[in-house]
Amino acid sequence: MTTDTVIQLTMTAIELGMKIALPILLVGLAVGLIISVFQAITQIQEQTLTFIPKIVATVAVMVIGGPWMLDQLLQYTAELWLSIPELIG
């Protein structure tokens, strides 16, 4: 196994991790921004007000996108396992 192969495998794993995490992070960011604007408009400075909607939105994204995320992970893992003979030899 060469260093180029290790770098390629690492980059693929990082790319997959970012592709899976991005929807969750973007929804959390959007919900946080909306709640922050709402708090600024109404002058409600309750810290727990941002916490619950972010959790609900994150869980909703994980429930809706979970099958796709799991499929991506399983596909990557299957490809990685199938490529082991080529990587070793």
N, C-alpha and C. Protein backbone atom coordinates (compact mmCIF):
# COMPACT_ATOMS: atom_id res chain seq x y z
N MET A 1 0.85 -1.17 0.00
CA MET A 1 0.00 0.00 0.00
C MET A 1 0.90 1.24 0.00
N THR A 2 0.66 2.09 -0.96
CA THR A 2 1.48 3.29 -1.08
C THR A 2 0.85 4.45 -0.33
N THR A 3 1.61 5.50 -0.18
CA THR A 3 1.08 6.68 0.50
C THR A 3 -0.02 7.34 -0.32
N ASP A 4 0.05 7.23 -1.64
CA ASP A 4 -1.02 7.78 -2.49
C ASP A 4 -2.34 7.06 -2.23
N THR A 5 -2.27 5.76 -2.02
CA THR A 5 -3.47 4.99 -1.74
C THR A 5 -4.06 5.39 -0.39
N VAL A 6 -3.21 5.56 0.60
CA VAL A 6 -3.67 5.96 1.93
C VAL A 6 -4.30 7.35 1.88
N ILE A 7 -3.69 8.25 1.16
CA ILE A 7 -4.23 9.61 1.02
C ILE A 7 -5.56 9.57 0.30
N GLN A 8 -5.67 8.76 -0.73
CA GLN A 8 -6.92 8.65 -1.48
C GLN A 8 -8.03 8.07 -0.60
N LEU A 9 -7.72 7.04 0.17
CA LEU A 9 -8.71 6.45 1.08
C LEU A 9 -9.13 7.45 2.15
N THR A 10 -8.19 8.20 2.67
CA THR A 10 -8.49 9.20 3.69
C THR A 10 -9.37 10.30 3.12
N MET A 11 -9.04 10.77 1.93
CA MET A 11 -9.84 11.82 1.31
C MET A 11 -11.26 11.34 1.01
N THR A 12 -11.40 10.10 0.58
CA THR A 12 -12.73 9.55 0.32
C THR A 12 -13.54 9.45 1.60
N ALA A 13 -12.89 9.02 2.69
CA ALA A 13 -13.58 8.92 3.97
C ALA A 13 -13.99 10.29 4.49
N ILE A 14 -13.13 11.28 4.35
CA ILE A 14 -13.46 12.64 4.79
C ILE A 14 -14.60 13.20 3.94
N GLU A 15 -14.54 12.96 2.65
CA GLU A 15 -15.60 13.43 1.75
C GLU A 15 -16.94 12.81 2.12
N LEU A 16 -16.94 11.51 2.42
CA LEU A 16 -18.17 10.84 2.82
C LEU A 16 -18.69 11.39 4.14
N GLY A 17 -17.80 11.61 5.09
CA GLY A 17 -18.22 12.17 6.37
C GLY A 17 -18.83 13.55 6.22
N MET A 18 -18.24 14.36 5.36
CA MET A 18 -18.79 15.70 5.12
C MET A 18 -20.12 15.62 4.40
N LYS A 19 -20.24 14.71 3.45
CA LYS A 19 -21.49 14.57 2.71
C LYS A 19 -22.63 14.12 3.62
N ILE A 20 -22.31 13.29 4.60
CA ILE A 20 -23.33 12.80 5.53
C ILE A 20 -23.65 13.85 6.59
N ALA A 21 -22.66 14.57 7.07
CA ALA A 21 -22.87 15.54 8.15
C ALA A 21 -23.44 16.86 7.67
N LEU A 22 -23.23 17.21 6.41
CA LEU A 22 -23.63 18.52 5.92
C LEU A 22 -25.13 18.81 6.06
N PRO A 23 -26.03 17.90 5.71
CA PRO A 23 -27.46 18.22 5.88
C PRO A 23 -27.83 18.49 7.33
N ILE A 24 -27.29 17.72 8.25
CA ILE A 24 -27.60 17.91 9.66
C ILE A 24 -27.07 19.26 10.14
N LEU A 25 -25.85 19.57 9.77
CA LEU A 25 -25.26 20.84 10.19
C LEU A 25 -25.96 22.05 9.59
N LEU A 26 -26.35 21.94 8.32
CA LEU A 26 -27.03 23.07 7.67
C LEU A 26 -28.41 23.32 8.29
N VAL A 27 -29.12 22.26 8.61
CA VAL A 27 -30.43 22.44 9.24
C VAL A 27 -30.26 23.04 10.63
N GLY A 28 -29.29 22.57 11.39
CA GLY A 28 -29.03 23.14 12.71
C GLY A 28 -28.65 24.61 12.61
N LEU A 29 -27.85 24.95 11.62
CA LEU A 29 -27.46 26.34 11.40
C LEU A 29 -28.65 27.21 11.03
N ALA A 30 -29.48 26.72 10.12
CA ALA A 30 -30.65 27.48 9.68
C ALA A 30 -31.63 27.70 10.82
N VAL A 31 -31.90 26.65 11.58
CA VAL A 31 -32.83 26.77 12.71
C VAL A 31 -32.26 27.72 13.76
N GLY A 32 -30.98 27.62 14.05
CA GLY A 32 -30.36 28.53 15.00
C GLY A 32 -30.42 29.97 14.55
N LEU A 33 -30.21 30.20 13.26
CA LEU A 33 -30.28 31.56 12.72
C LEU A 33 -31.70 32.12 12.81
N ILE A 34 -32.67 31.30 12.46
CA ILE A 34 -34.07 31.75 12.54
C ILE A 34 -34.47 32.06 13.97
N ILE A 35 -34.09 31.20 14.90
CA ILE A 35 -34.42 31.43 16.31
C ILE A 35 -33.68 32.67 16.83
N SER A 36 -32.45 32.88 16.41
CA SER A 36 -31.70 34.06 16.84
C SER A 36 -32.35 35.35 16.34
N VAL A 37 -32.81 35.33 15.10
CA VAL A 37 -33.51 36.50 14.56
C VAL A 37 -34.80 36.73 15.34
N PHE A 38 -35.53 35.65 15.62
CA PHE A 38 -36.76 35.76 16.41
C PHE A 38 -36.47 36.33 17.80
N GLN A 39 -35.40 35.87 18.42
CA GLN A 39 -35.04 36.39 19.74
C GLN A 39 -34.64 37.86 19.67
N ALA A 40 -33.96 38.25 18.62
CA ALA A 40 -33.56 39.66 18.49
C ALA A 40 -34.78 40.55 18.27
N ILE A 41 -35.74 40.06 17.50
CA ILE A 41 -36.94 40.86 17.23
C ILE A 41 -37.80 41.00 18.49
N THR A 42 -37.99 39.91 19.19
CA THR A 42 -38.89 39.92 20.35
C THR A 42 -38.16 40.25 21.65
N GLN A 43 -36.86 40.34 21.63
CA GLN A 43 -36.02 40.62 22.80
C GLN A 43 -36.20 39.56 23.90
N ILE A 44 -36.48 38.34 23.48
CA ILE A 44 -36.52 37.21 24.42
C ILE A 44 -35.12 36.62 24.45
N GLN A 45 -34.48 36.62 25.59
CA GLN A 45 -33.10 36.13 25.69
C GLN A 45 -33.02 34.83 26.48
N GLU A 46 -33.93 33.93 26.22
CA GLU A 46 -33.94 32.64 26.90
C GLU A 46 -33.00 31.68 26.16
N GLN A 47 -32.02 31.11 26.87
CA GLN A 47 -31.03 30.24 26.25
C GLN A 47 -31.62 28.92 25.79
N THR A 48 -32.60 28.41 26.51
CA THR A 48 -33.17 27.11 26.16
C THR A 48 -34.07 27.19 24.94
N LEU A 49 -34.44 28.39 24.53
CA LEU A 49 -35.32 28.55 23.37
C LEU A 49 -34.65 28.04 22.09
N THR A 50 -33.35 28.16 21.98
CA THR A 50 -32.67 27.70 20.77
C THR A 50 -32.36 26.20 20.83
N PHE A 51 -32.28 25.66 22.01
CA PHE A 51 -31.83 24.28 22.18
C PHE A 51 -32.85 23.26 21.66
N ILE A 52 -34.09 23.38 22.07
CA ILE A 52 -35.12 22.40 21.72
C ILE A 52 -35.42 22.39 20.21
N PRO A 53 -35.63 23.54 19.56
CA PRO A 53 -35.89 23.48 18.11
C PRO A 53 -34.72 22.88 17.31
N LYS A 54 -33.49 23.16 17.74
CA LYS A 54 -32.34 22.57 17.04
C LYS A 54 -32.34 21.06 17.18
N ILE A 55 -32.64 20.58 18.37
CA ILE A 55 -32.67 19.12 18.58
C ILE A 55 -33.77 18.49 17.74
N VAL A 56 -34.95 19.09 17.74
CA VAL A 56 -36.07 18.55 16.97
C VAL A 56 -35.74 18.55 15.48
N ALA A 57 -35.17 19.63 14.97
CA ALA A 57 -34.82 19.70 13.56
C ALA A 57 -33.73 18.69 13.20
N THR A 58 -32.75 18.55 14.07
CA THR A 58 -31.68 17.59 13.83
C THR A 58 -32.21 16.16 13.81
N VAL A 59 -33.06 15.84 14.75
CA VAL A 59 -33.66 14.49 14.79
C VAL A 59 -34.52 14.26 13.56
N ALA A 60 -35.27 15.28 13.13
CA ALA A 60 -36.10 15.15 11.93
C ALA A 60 -35.25 14.87 10.69
N VAL A 61 -34.14 15.59 10.56
CA VAL A 61 -33.25 15.35 9.42
C VAL A 61 -32.66 13.95 9.48
N MET A 62 -32.31 13.51 10.69
CA MET A 62 -31.74 12.16 10.82
C MET A 62 -32.77 11.09 10.52
N VAL A 63 -34.03 11.31 10.88
CA VAL A 63 -35.08 10.34 10.58
C VAL A 63 -35.38 10.32 9.09
N ILE A 64 -35.48 11.51 8.49
CA ILE A 64 -35.80 11.58 7.06
C ILE A 64 -34.61 11.14 6.21
N GLY A 65 -33.42 11.61 6.53
CA GLY A 65 -32.25 11.30 5.73
C GLY A 65 -31.46 10.10 6.20
N GLY A 66 -31.89 9.49 7.28
CA GLY A 66 -31.16 8.35 7.84
C GLY A 66 -30.96 7.19 6.88
N PRO A 67 -32.01 6.77 6.17
CA PRO A 67 -31.80 5.68 5.21
C PRO A 67 -30.76 6.01 4.14
N TRP A 68 -30.78 7.25 3.65
CA TRP A 68 -29.79 7.65 2.64
C TRP A 68 -28.38 7.65 3.25
N MET A 69 -28.26 8.18 4.46
CA MET A 69 -26.96 8.22 5.13
C MET A 69 -26.43 6.81 5.37
N LEU A 70 -27.30 5.93 5.84
CA LEU A 70 -26.90 4.55 6.08
C LEU A 70 -26.50 3.86 4.78
N ASP A 71 -27.24 4.12 3.71
CA ASP A 71 -26.91 3.53 2.41
C ASP A 71 -25.54 4.00 1.93
N GLN A 72 -25.23 5.28 2.12
CA GLN A 72 -23.92 5.81 1.73
C GLN A 72 -22.80 5.12 2.51
N LEU A 73 -23.00 4.98 3.82
CA LEU A 73 -21.99 4.33 4.65
C LEU A 73 -21.81 2.85 4.28
N LEU A 74 -22.92 2.16 4.05
CA LEU A 74 -22.83 0.74 3.68
C LEU A 74 -22.17 0.56 2.33
N GLN A 75 -22.48 1.44 1.40
CA GLN A 75 -21.88 1.37 0.07
C GLN A 75 -20.36 1.59 0.14
N TYR A 76 -19.95 2.60 0.91
CA TYR A 76 -18.53 2.87 1.07
C TYR A 76 -17.83 1.70 1.73
N THR A 77 -18.43 1.16 2.78
CA THR A 77 -17.82 0.04 3.50
C THR A 77 -17.70 -1.19 2.60
N ALA A 78 -18.74 -1.47 1.82
CA ALA A 78 -18.69 -2.62 0.91
C ALA A 78 -17.59 -2.44 -0.13
N GLU A 79 -17.49 -1.22 -0.69
CA GLU A 79 -16.43 -0.96 -1.68
C GLU A 79 -15.04 -1.08 -1.05
N LEU A 80 -14.93 -0.62 0.19
CA LEU A 80 -13.64 -0.71 0.87
C LEU A 80 -13.25 -2.16 1.14
N TRP A 81 -14.20 -2.96 1.60
CA TRP A 81 -13.91 -4.37 1.86
C TRP A 81 -13.57 -5.12 0.57
N LEU A 82 -14.28 -4.79 -0.51
CA LEU A 82 -14.00 -5.47 -1.78
C LEU A 82 -12.65 -5.06 -2.37
N SER A 83 -12.17 -3.89 -2.01
CA SER A 83 -10.89 -3.43 -2.57
C SER A 83 -9.69 -3.85 -1.73
N ILE A 84 -9.91 -4.54 -0.62
CA ILE A 84 -8.79 -4.96 0.24
C ILE A 84 -7.77 -5.82 -0.52
N PRO A 85 -8.17 -6.81 -1.31
CA PRO A 85 -7.15 -7.59 -2.04
C PRO A 85 -6.29 -6.73 -2.98
N GLU A 86 -6.92 -5.75 -3.62
CA GLU A 86 -6.14 -4.86 -4.50
C GLU A 86 -5.19 -3.97 -3.70
N LEU A 87 -5.64 -3.54 -2.53
CA LEU A 87 -4.80 -2.66 -1.69
C LEU A 87 -3.61 -3.40 -1.12
N ILE A 88 -3.80 -4.63 -0.76
CA ILE A 88 -2.70 -5.42 -0.17
C ILE A 88 -1.71 -5.85 -1.25
N GLY A 89 -2.25 -6.34 -2.36
CA GLY A 89 -1.37 -6.89 -3.40
C GLY A 89 -0.87 -5.85 -4.30
